[in-house]
Amino acid sequence: MPNRISLTQLGVERLRPQAREIVFWDVNCPGFGVRVSPKGRKTFLVQYRVRTNGNLKERQETLGTLAFLTVAQARERARQSKAAASAGIDPVAQKRAAETAAKAEKQAHELTLAKLVERYLREHAEVNTKASSVAATRGLLMRWVKVLGDRPAHSITKADIVAFLDDQPSRIAANHLLQAVHHVFWWAKRWELVETNPAVDVPKPQPKVKSRDRYLDDNEIKQLWPACDQVGWPSGYIFQLLLLTGQRESECGGMCWSELVL
């Protein structure tokens, strides 16, 4: 190797940057060196061979910079990596795996339920669902966020969901809440934001909802219409719109002016 010198603490500190990047190799520890950038950054590295799947492969491992390591510390790390490589362990592969795992763990903790819900609404619901339905879904999910929003999304369990649903005063409303959070985690798992959907095996709080075939007769309609006029904006007019269109309450309540053709 060219530029072979005895790497000492004082000697490395005195190395001056050149017009191009240059590596100085240690004569006392083969494969150990320091790379000096044109801006003066000094980075320790080590080269070695490791047997992978029966083949010898060249590896160059970055050990750290002079700002955080002394020459002695860097040399010791180089010797440890070379010893591991001789034993058939790939230090570079190990480091990459550890960094990937640490990154995944950090992302998992940063992705709270509140952030997951916002991503689901922005990236899925608002793209694939009409505005009135998005408003209704947001209302349901915000009830989850209010209670569990600060928790990492991956930490939400079946027990958390069951406990939350048990606190709901209406079993039918709990059904809607379960469906909403089930779909959020289904979407999140599909995009590999979480590993599991904790709502999969949660039974419906109200297993069978009776069909509602009750309707108003002519006399009841005559009484309802002026009563809605007395109630006024907005609830009274919403009920009149429900009567005229037969739409769901959430759809009419969340309707935008742009959805009306006057």
C-alpha atoms as a PDB file:
ATOM      1  CA  MET A   1       0.000   0.000   0.000  1.00  0.00           C
ATOM      2  CA  PRO A   2       1.274   3.513  -0.748  1.00  0.00           C
ATOM      3  CA  ASN A   3       1.523   6.207   1.947  1.00  0.00           C
ATOM      4  CA  ARG A   4       2.551   3.743   4.669  1.00  0.00           C
ATOM      5  CA  ILE A   5       3.535   5.533   7.874  1.00  0.00           C
ATOM      6  CA  SER A   6       3.486   4.928  11.586  1.00  0.00           C
ATOM      7  CA  LEU A   7       0.141   6.353  12.722  1.00  0.00           C
ATOM      8  CA  THR A   8       0.598   8.177  16.020  1.00  0.00           C
ATOM      9  CA  GLN A   9      -1.736  10.603  17.725  1.00  0.00           C
ATOM     10  CA  LEU A  10       0.468  13.600  17.098  1.00  0.00           C
ATOM     11  CA  GLY A  11       1.313  12.465  13.589  1.00  0.00           C
ATOM     12  CA  VAL A  12      -2.343  12.112  12.563  1.00  0.00           C
ATOM     13  CA  GLU A  13      -3.210  15.489  14.104  1.00  0.00           C
ATOM     14  CA  ARG A  14      -0.474  17.105  11.994  1.00  0.00           C
ATOM     15  CA  LEU A  15      -1.541  15.548   8.689  1.00  0.00           C
ATOM     16  CA  ARG A  16      -2.498  18.294   6.251  1.00  0.00           C
ATOM     17  CA  PRO A  17      -5.292  18.017   3.652  1.00  0.00           C
ATOM     18  CA  GLN A  18      -4.340  17.694   0.016  1.00  0.00           C
ATOM     19  CA  ALA A  19      -6.131  18.706  -3.175  1.00  0.00           C
ATOM     20  CA  ARG A  20      -7.672  15.213  -3.294  1.00  0.00           C
ATOM     21  CA  GLU A  21      -8.644  12.628  -0.718  1.00  0.00           C
ATOM     22  CA  ILE A  22      -5.702  10.563   0.509  1.00  0.00           C
ATOM     23  CA  VAL A  23      -5.365   7.534   2.802  1.00  0.00           C
ATOM     24  CA  PHE A  24      -2.378   6.953   5.104  1.00  0.00           C
ATOM     25  CA  TRP A  25      -1.875   3.298   6.134  1.00  0.00           C
ATOM     26  CA  ASP A  26      -0.394   2.200   9.434  1.00  0.00           C
ATOM     27  CA  VAL A  27       2.820   0.172   9.235  1.00  0.00           C
ATOM     28  CA  ASN A  28       2.163  -1.276  12.726  1.00  0.00           C
ATOM     29  CA  CYS A  29      -1.346  -2.632  11.996  1.00  0.00           C
ATOM     30  CA  PRO A  30      -1.817  -3.818   8.392  1.00  0.00           C
ATOM     31  CA  GLY A  31      -5.139  -2.740   6.904  1.00  0.00           C
ATOM     32  CA  PHE A  32      -5.618   0.100   9.405  1.00  0.00           C
ATOM     33  CA  GLY A  33      -5.493   3.653   8.081  1.00  0.00           C
ATOM     34  CA  VAL A  34      -6.804   7.196   8.214  1.00  0.00           C
ATOM     35  CA  ARG A  35      -8.496   8.969   5.303  1.00  0.00           C
ATOM     36  CA  VAL A  36      -7.933  12.718   5.011  1.00  0.00           C
ATOM     37  CA  SER A  37     -10.442  14.672   2.951  1.00  0.00           C
ATOM     38  CA  PRO A  38      -9.622  17.893   1.040  1.00  0.00           C
ATOM     39  CA  LYS A  39     -11.473  19.768   3.823  1.00  0.00           C
ATOM     40  CA  GLY A  40      -9.326  18.189   6.540  1.00  0.00           C
ATOM     41  CA  ARG A  41     -11.774  15.607   7.895  1.00  0.00           C
ATOM     42  CA  LYS A  42      -9.858  12.601   9.229  1.00  0.00           C
ATOM     43  CA  THR A  43     -11.652   9.256   9.248  1.00  0.00           C
ATOM     44  CA  PHE A  44     -10.215   5.968  10.500  1.00  0.00           C
ATOM     45  CA  LEU A  45     -10.852   2.811   8.463  1.00  0.00           C
ATOM     46  CA  VAL A  46      -9.787  -0.795   8.240  1.00  0.00           C
ATOM     47  CA  GLN A  47      -9.589  -3.234   5.338  1.00  0.00           C
ATOM     48  CA  TYR A  48      -9.779  -7.001   5.651  1.00  0.00           C
ATOM     49  CA  ARG A  49     -11.123 -10.129   3.977  1.00  0.00           C
ATOM     50  CA  VAL A  50     -14.044 -12.158   5.280  1.00  0.00           C
ATOM     51  CA  ARG A  51     -15.330 -15.487   4.025  1.00  0.00           C
ATOM     52  CA  THR A  52     -19.011 -15.278   3.022  1.00  0.00           C
ATOM     53  CA  ASN A  53     -20.822 -18.280   1.564  1.00  0.00           C
ATOM     54  CA  GLY A  54     -17.484 -19.932   0.867  1.00  0.00           C
ATOM     55  CA  ASN A  55     -16.015 -16.889  -0.912  1.00  0.00           C
ATOM     56  CA  LEU A  56     -13.466 -14.387   0.349  1.00  0.00           C
ATOM     57  CA  LYS A  57     -14.705 -10.816   0.048  1.00  0.00           C
ATOM     58  CA  GLU A  58     -12.870  -7.553   0.532  1.00  0.00           C
ATOM     59  CA  ARG A  59     -14.352  -5.272   3.185  1.00  0.00           C
ATOM     60  CA  GLN A  60     -13.565  -1.683   4.077  1.00  0.00           C
ATOM     61  CA  GLU A  61     -15.082  -0.603   7.391  1.00  0.00           C
ATOM     62  CA  THR A  62     -15.366   2.968   8.640  1.00  0.00           C
ATOM     63  CA  LEU A  63     -14.381   3.135  12.317  1.00  0.00           C
ATOM     64  CA  GLY A  64     -15.014   6.781  13.183  1.00  0.00           C
ATOM     65  CA  THR A  65     -13.397  10.194  12.963  1.00  0.00           C
ATOM     66  CA  LEU A  66     -10.525  11.794  14.807  1.00  0.00           C
ATOM     67  CA  ALA A  67     -13.042  14.110  16.471  1.00  0.00           C
ATOM     68  CA  PHE A  68     -14.440  11.145  18.456  1.00  0.00           C
ATOM     69  CA  LEU A  69     -11.639   8.545  18.494  1.00  0.00           C
ATOM     70  CA  THR A  70      -7.986   8.581  19.384  1.00  0.00           C
ATOM     71  CA  VAL A  71      -5.546   6.696  17.169  1.00  0.00           C
ATOM     72  CA  ALA A  72      -5.171   4.021  19.862  1.00  0.00           C
ATOM     73  CA  GLN A  73      -8.930   3.518  20.154  1.00  0.00           C
ATOM     74  CA  ALA A  74      -9.358   3.311  16.384  1.00  0.00           C
ATOM     75  CA  ARG A  75      -6.475   0.830  16.072  1.00  0.00           C
ATOM     76  CA  GLU A  76      -8.033  -1.391  18.743  1.00  0.00           C
ATOM     77  CA  ARG A  77     -11.361  -1.357  16.896  1.00  0.00           C
ATOM     78  CA  ALA A  78      -9.529  -2.276  13.707  1.00  0.00           C
ATOM     79  CA  ARG A  79      -7.885  -5.256  15.418  1.00  0.00           C
ATOM     80  CA  GLN A  80     -11.252  -6.429  16.802  1.00  0.00           C
ATOM     81  CA  SER A  81     -12.858  -6.264  13.364  1.00  0.00           C
ATOM     82  CA  LYS A  82      -9.982  -8.154  11.754  1.00  0.00           C
ATOM     83  CA  ALA A  83     -10.206 -10.835  14.451  1.00  0.00           C
ATOM     84  CA  ALA A  84     -13.961 -11.175  13.879  1.00  0.00           C
ATOM     85  CA  ALA A  85     -13.417 -11.470  10.119  1.00  0.00           C
ATOM     86  CA  SER A  86     -10.833 -14.194  10.684  1.00  0.00           C
ATOM     87  CA  ALA A  87     -13.464 -16.077  12.707  1.00  0.00           C
ATOM     88  CA  GLY A  88     -15.930 -15.857   9.802  1.00  0.00           C
ATOM     89  CA  ILE A  89     -17.961 -12.940  11.174  1.00  0.00           C
ATOM     90  CA  ASP A  90     -18.628  -9.983   8.890  1.00  0.00           C
ATOM     91  CA  PRO A  91     -18.419  -6.811  11.062  1.00  0.00           C
ATOM     92  CA  VAL A  92     -19.734  -4.600   8.236  1.00  0.00           C
ATOM     93  CA  ALA A  93     -22.817  -6.787   7.758  1.00  0.00           C
ATOM     94  CA  GLN A  94     -23.360  -6.855  11.520  1.00  0.00           C
ATOM     95  CA  LYS A  95     -23.131  -3.088  11.740  1.00  0.00           C
ATOM     96  CA  ARG A  96     -25.574  -2.613   8.870  1.00  0.00           C
ATOM     97  CA  ALA A  97     -28.058  -5.031  10.453  1.00  0.00           C
ATOM     98  CA  ALA A  98     -27.796  -3.232  13.796  1.00  0.00           C
ATOM     99  CA  GLU A  99     -28.307   0.164  12.152  1.00  0.00           C
ATOM    100  CA  THR A 100     -31.337  -1.132  10.247  1.00  0.00           C
ATOM    101  CA  ALA A 101     -32.857  -2.581  13.416  1.00  0.00           C
ATOM    102  CA  ALA A 102     -32.197   0.624  15.364  1.00  0.00           C
ATOM    103  CA  LYS A 103     -33.758   2.702  12.601  1.00  0.00           C
ATOM    104  CA  ALA A 104     -36.835   0.477  12.492  1.00  0.00           C
ATOM    105  CA  GLU A 105     -37.190   0.653  16.276  1.00  0.00           C
ATOM    106  CA  LYS A 106     -36.876   4.437  16.238  1.00  0.00           C
ATOM    107  CA  GLN A 107     -39.455   4.783  13.473  1.00  0.00           C
ATOM    108  CA  ALA A 108     -41.810   2.432  15.286  1.00  0.00           C
ATOM    109  CA  HIS A 109     -41.704   4.579  18.410  1.00  0.00           C
ATOM    110  CA  GLU A 110     -41.985   7.830  16.475  1.00  0.00           C
ATOM    111  CA  LEU A 111     -45.103   6.608  14.625  1.00  0.00           C
ATOM    112  CA  THR A 112     -47.752   7.215  17.268  1.00  0.00           C
ATOM    113  CA  LEU A 113     -51.384   6.253  16.734  1.00  0.00           C
ATOM    114  CA  ALA A 114     -52.197   9.930  16.201  1.00  0.00           C
ATOM    115  CA  LYS A 115     -49.606  10.236  13.407  1.00  0.00           C
ATOM    116  CA  LEU A 116     -50.746   6.960  11.860  1.00  0.00           C
ATOM    117  CA  VAL A 117     -54.362   8.143  11.779  1.00  0.00           C
ATOM    118  CA  GLU A 118     -53.366  11.405  10.110  1.00  0.00           C
ATOM    119  CA  ARG A 119     -51.338   9.527   7.487  1.00  0.00           C
ATOM    120  CA  TYR A 120     -54.245   7.152   6.865  1.00  0.00           C
ATOM    121  CA  LEU A 121     -56.685  10.031   6.417  1.00  0.00           C
ATOM    122  CA  ARG A 122     -54.334  12.043   4.203  1.00  0.00           C
ATOM    123  CA  GLU A 123     -52.874   9.251   2.072  1.00  0.00           C
ATOM    124  CA  HIS A 124     -55.834   6.872   1.839  1.00  0.00           C
ATOM    125  CA  ALA A 125     -59.212   8.152   3.003  1.00  0.00           C
ATOM    126  CA  GLU A 126     -59.031  11.595   1.418  1.00  0.00           C
ATOM    127  CA  VAL A 127     -57.829  10.074  -1.861  1.00  0.00           C
ATOM    128  CA  ASN A 128     -60.316   7.219  -2.130  1.00  0.00           C
ATOM    129  CA  THR A 129     -63.423   8.422  -0.275  1.00  0.00           C
ATOM    130  CA  LYS A 130     -65.798  11.331  -0.746  1.00  0.00           C
ATOM    131  CA  ALA A 131     -65.455  14.270   1.604  1.00  0.00           C
ATOM    132  CA  SER A 132     -68.591  13.588   3.651  1.00  0.00           C
ATOM    133  CA  SER A 133     -67.475  10.039   4.445  1.00  0.00           C
ATOM    134  CA  VAL A 134     -63.961  11.249   5.314  1.00  0.00           C
ATOM    135  CA  ALA A 135     -65.461  13.684   7.818  1.00  0.00           C
ATOM    136  CA  ALA A 136     -67.424  10.874   9.472  1.00  0.00           C
ATOM    137  CA  THR A 137     -64.365   8.592   9.556  1.00  0.00           C
ATOM    138  CA  ARG A 138     -62.217  11.366  11.006  1.00  0.00           C
ATOM    139  CA  GLY A 139     -64.770  11.892  13.760  1.00  0.00           C
ATOM    140  CA  LEU A 140     -64.639   8.217  14.717  1.00  0.00           C
ATOM    141  CA  LEU A 141     -60.848   8.009  14.629  1.00  0.00           C
ATOM    142  CA  MET A 142     -60.381  11.179  16.672  1.00  0.00           C
ATOM    143  CA  ARG A 143     -62.121   9.387  19.526  1.00  0.00           C
ATOM    144  CA  TRP A 144     -59.348   6.787  19.381  1.00  0.00           C
ATOM    145  CA  VAL A 145     -56.670   9.471  19.147  1.00  0.00           C
ATOM    146  CA  LYS A 146     -58.044  11.276  22.188  1.00  0.00           C
ATOM    147  CA  VAL A 147     -57.462   8.179  24.333  1.00  0.00           C
ATOM    148  CA  LEU A 148     -54.529   6.348  22.703  1.00  0.00           C
ATOM    149  CA  GLY A 149     -53.019   8.934  20.355  1.00  0.00           C
ATOM    150  CA  ASP A 150     -49.678   9.303  22.161  1.00  0.00           C
ATOM    151  CA  ARG A 151     -48.986   5.568  22.150  1.00  0.00           C
ATOM    152  CA  PRO A 152     -46.637   4.095  19.503  1.00  0.00           C
ATOM    153  CA  ALA A 153     -48.880   2.570  16.839  1.00  0.00           C
ATOM    154  CA  HIS A 154     -47.095  -0.801  17.034  1.00  0.00           C
ATOM    155  CA  SER A 155     -47.792  -1.024  20.786  1.00  0.00           C
ATOM    156  CA  ILE A 156     -51.597  -0.960  20.459  1.00  0.00           C
ATOM    157  CA  THR A 157     -52.919  -4.389  21.455  1.00  0.00           C
ATOM    158  CA  LYS A 158     -56.162  -6.326  21.189  1.00  0.00           C
ATOM    159  CA  ALA A 159     -56.665  -5.726  24.921  1.00  0.00           C
ATOM    160  CA  ASP A 160     -56.401  -1.944  24.392  1.00  0.00           C
ATOM    161  CA  ILE A 161     -59.067  -2.076  21.701  1.00  0.00           C
ATOM    162  CA  VAL A 162     -61.429  -4.276  23.710  1.00  0.00           C
ATOM    163  CA  ALA A 163     -61.078  -2.015  26.778  1.00  0.00           C
ATOM    164  CA  PHE A 164     -61.791   1.096  24.709  1.00  0.00           C
ATOM    165  CA  LEU A 165     -64.862  -0.439  23.063  1.00  0.00           C
ATOM    166  CA  ASP A 166     -66.189  -1.620  26.422  1.00  0.00           C
ATOM    167  CA  ASP A 167     -66.240   2.004  27.597  1.00  0.00           C
ATOM    168  CA  GLN A 168     -68.562   3.070  24.768  1.00  0.00           C
ATOM    169  CA  PRO A 169     -72.179   3.754  25.810  1.00  0.00           C
ATOM    170  CA  SER A 170     -73.591   2.412  22.533  1.00  0.00           C
ATOM    171  CA  ARG A 171     -72.782  -1.044  21.177  1.00  0.00           C
ATOM    172  CA  ILE A 172     -73.681   0.010  17.648  1.00  0.00           C
ATOM    173  CA  ALA A 173     -71.377   3.047  17.903  1.00  0.00           C
ATOM    174  CA  ALA A 174     -68.666   0.694  19.183  1.00  0.00           C
ATOM    175  CA  ASN A 175     -69.162  -1.403  16.032  1.00  0.00           C
ATOM    176  CA  HIS A 176     -68.432   1.661  13.885  1.00  0.00           C
ATOM    177  CA  LEU A 177     -65.356   2.517  15.991  1.00  0.00           C
ATOM    178  CA  LEU A 178     -64.004  -1.012  15.628  1.00  0.00           C
ATOM    179  CA  GLN A 179     -64.508  -0.965  11.867  1.00  0.00           C
ATOM    180  CA  ALA A 180     -62.688   2.365  11.569  1.00  0.00           C
ATOM    181  CA  VAL A 181     -59.609   1.356  13.566  1.00  0.00           C
ATOM    182  CA  HIS A 182     -59.563  -2.076  11.907  1.00  0.00           C
ATOM    183  CA  HIS A 183     -59.252  -0.404   8.511  1.00  0.00           C
ATOM    184  CA  VAL A 184     -56.507   1.951   9.704  1.00  0.00           C
ATOM    185  CA  PHE A 185     -54.334  -0.953  10.843  1.00  0.00           C
ATOM    186  CA  TRP A 186     -55.193  -2.988   7.742  1.00  0.00           C
ATOM    187  CA  TRP A 187     -53.878  -0.117   5.622  1.00  0.00           C
ATOM    188  CA  ALA A 188     -50.829   0.376   7.866  1.00  0.00           C
ATOM    189  CA  LYS A 189     -49.906  -3.303   7.688  1.00  0.00           C
ATOM    190  CA  ARG A 190     -50.315  -3.276   3.913  1.00  0.00           C
ATOM    191  CA  TRP A 191     -47.731  -0.491   3.684  1.00  0.00           C
ATOM    192  CA  GLU A 192     -45.481  -2.141   6.310  1.00  0.00           C
ATOM    193  CA  LEU A 193     -45.910   0.644   8.854  1.00  0.00           C
ATOM    194  CA  VAL A 194     -46.882  -1.938  11.483  1.00  0.00           C
ATOM    195  CA  GLU A 195     -46.362  -5.694  11.603  1.00  0.00           C
ATOM    196  CA  THR A 196     -49.798  -6.757  12.859  1.00  0.00           C
ATOM    197  CA  ASN A 197     -53.406  -5.584  12.924  1.00  0.00           C
ATOM    198  CA  PRO A 198     -54.531  -5.787  16.583  1.00  0.00           C
ATOM    199  CA  ALA A 199     -58.183  -5.401  15.586  1.00  0.00           C
ATOM    200  CA  VAL A 200     -58.314  -8.593  13.499  1.00  0.00           C
ATOM    201  CA  ASP A 201     -59.712 -10.937  16.163  1.00  0.00           C
ATOM    202  CA  VAL A 202     -61.710  -8.399  18.154  1.00  0.00           C
ATOM    203  CA  PRO A 203     -65.391  -9.478  18.122  1.00  0.00           C
ATOM    204  CA  LYS A 204     -68.055  -6.939  17.216  1.00  0.00           C
ATOM    205  CA  PRO A 205     -69.561  -5.372  20.356  1.00  0.00           C
ATOM    206  CA  GLN A 206     -72.989  -5.708  18.726  1.00  0.00           C
ATOM    207  CA  PRO A 207     -72.789  -8.978  16.720  1.00  0.00           C
ATOM    208  CA  LYS A 208     -76.089  -8.557  14.905  1.00  0.00           C
ATOM    209  CA  VAL A 209     -77.703  -5.202  14.194  1.00  0.00           C
ATOM    210  CA  LYS A 210     -81.432  -5.321  13.649  1.00  0.00           C
ATOM    211  CA  SER A 211     -82.601  -3.836  10.372  1.00  0.00           C
ATOM    212  CA  ARG A 212     -84.413  -0.535  10.751  1.00  0.00           C
ATOM    213  CA  ASP A 213     -87.551  -0.413   8.591  1.00  0.00           C
ATOM    214  CA  ARG A 214     -89.401   2.246  10.595  1.00  0.00           C
ATOM    215  CA  TYR A 215     -90.488   5.246   8.522  1.00  0.00           C
ATOM    216  CA  LEU A 216     -92.580   8.344   9.089  1.00  0.00           C
ATOM    217  CA  ASP A 217     -96.173   8.495   7.933  1.00  0.00           C
ATOM    218  CA  ASP A 218     -97.697  11.568   6.295  1.00  0.00           C
ATOM    219  CA  ASN A 219     -98.919  13.088   9.553  1.00  0.00           C
ATOM    220  CA  GLU A 220     -95.509  12.687  11.201  1.00  0.00           C
ATOM    221  CA  ILE A 221     -93.821  14.338   8.216  1.00  0.00           C
ATOM    222  CA  LYS A 222     -96.239  17.281   8.472  1.00  0.00           C
ATOM    223  CA  GLN A 223     -95.266  17.689  12.110  1.00  0.00           C
ATOM    224  CA  LEU A 224     -91.550  17.207  11.585  1.00  0.00           C
ATOM    225  CA  TRP A 225     -91.076  19.739   8.783  1.00  0.00           C
ATOM    226  CA  PRO A 226     -92.243  22.893  10.647  1.00  0.00           C
ATOM    227  CA  ALA A 227     -90.469  21.646  13.794  1.00  0.00           C
ATOM    228  CA  CYS A 228     -87.221  21.610  11.821  1.00  0.00           C
ATOM    229  CA  ASP A 229     -87.913  25.199  10.719  1.00  0.00           C
ATOM    230  CA  GLN A 230     -88.173  26.179  14.374  1.00  0.00           C
ATOM    231  CA  VAL A 231     -84.894  24.472  15.238  1.00  0.00           C
ATOM    232  CA  GLY A 232     -83.196  26.347  12.379  1.00  0.00           C
ATOM    233  CA  TRP A 233     -79.567  26.274  11.267  1.00  0.00           C
ATOM    234  CA  PRO A 234     -77.883  23.833  11.049  1.00  0.00           C
ATOM    235  CA  SER A 235     -79.586  20.844  12.671  1.00  0.00           C
ATOM    236  CA  GLY A 236     -83.114  21.631  11.527  1.00  0.00           C
ATOM    237  CA  TYR A 237     -82.120  21.977   7.889  1.00  0.00           C
ATOM    238  CA  ILE A 238     -80.000  18.810   8.059  1.00  0.00           C
ATOM    239  CA  PHE A 239     -83.014  16.786   9.189  1.00  0.00           C
ATOM    240  CA  GLN A 240     -85.093  18.251   6.365  1.00  0.00           C
ATOM    241  CA  LEU A 241     -82.336  17.242   3.934  1.00  0.00           C
ATOM    242  CA  LEU A 242     -82.308  13.739   5.423  1.00  0.00           C
ATOM    243  CA  LEU A 243     -86.054  13.535   4.882  1.00  0.00           C
ATOM    244  CA  LEU A 244     -85.763  14.644   1.255  1.00  0.00           C
ATOM    245  CA  THR A 245     -82.753  12.553   0.240  1.00  0.00           C
ATOM    246  CA  GLY A 246     -82.841   9.473   2.459  1.00  0.00           C
ATOM    247  CA  GLN A 247     -79.090   9.811   3.041  1.00  0.00           C
ATOM    248  CA  ARG A 248     -77.215   8.931   6.231  1.00  0.00           C
ATOM    249  CA  GLU A 249     -76.973  11.550   8.959  1.00  0.00           C
ATOM    250  CA  SER A 250     -73.140  11.587   8.776  1.00  0.00           C
ATOM    251  CA  GLU A 251     -73.224  12.118   5.000  1.00  0.00           C
ATOM    252  CA  CYS A 252     -75.600  15.056   5.158  1.00  0.00           C
ATOM    253  CA  GLY A 253     -73.943  16.539   8.243  1.00  0.00           C
ATOM    254  CA  GLY A 254     -70.500  16.443   6.614  1.00  0.00           C
ATOM    255  CA  MET A 255     -71.603  17.553   3.152  1.00  0.00           C
ATOM    256  CA  CYS A 256     -69.703  20.397   1.476  1.00  0.00           C
ATOM    257  CA  TRP A 257     -71.369  23.146  -0.566  1.00  0.00           C
ATOM    258  CA  SER A 258     -69.453  21.846  -3.576  1.00  0.00           C
ATOM    259  CA  GLU A 259     -71.430  18.596  -3.375  1.00  0.00           C
ATOM    260  CA  LEU A 260     -74.755  20.357  -3.805  1.00  0.00           C
ATOM    261  CA  VAL A 261     -76.172  21.220  -7.220  1.00  0.00           C
ATOM    262  CA  LEU A 262     -78.461  24.242  -6.768  1.00  0.00           C
END
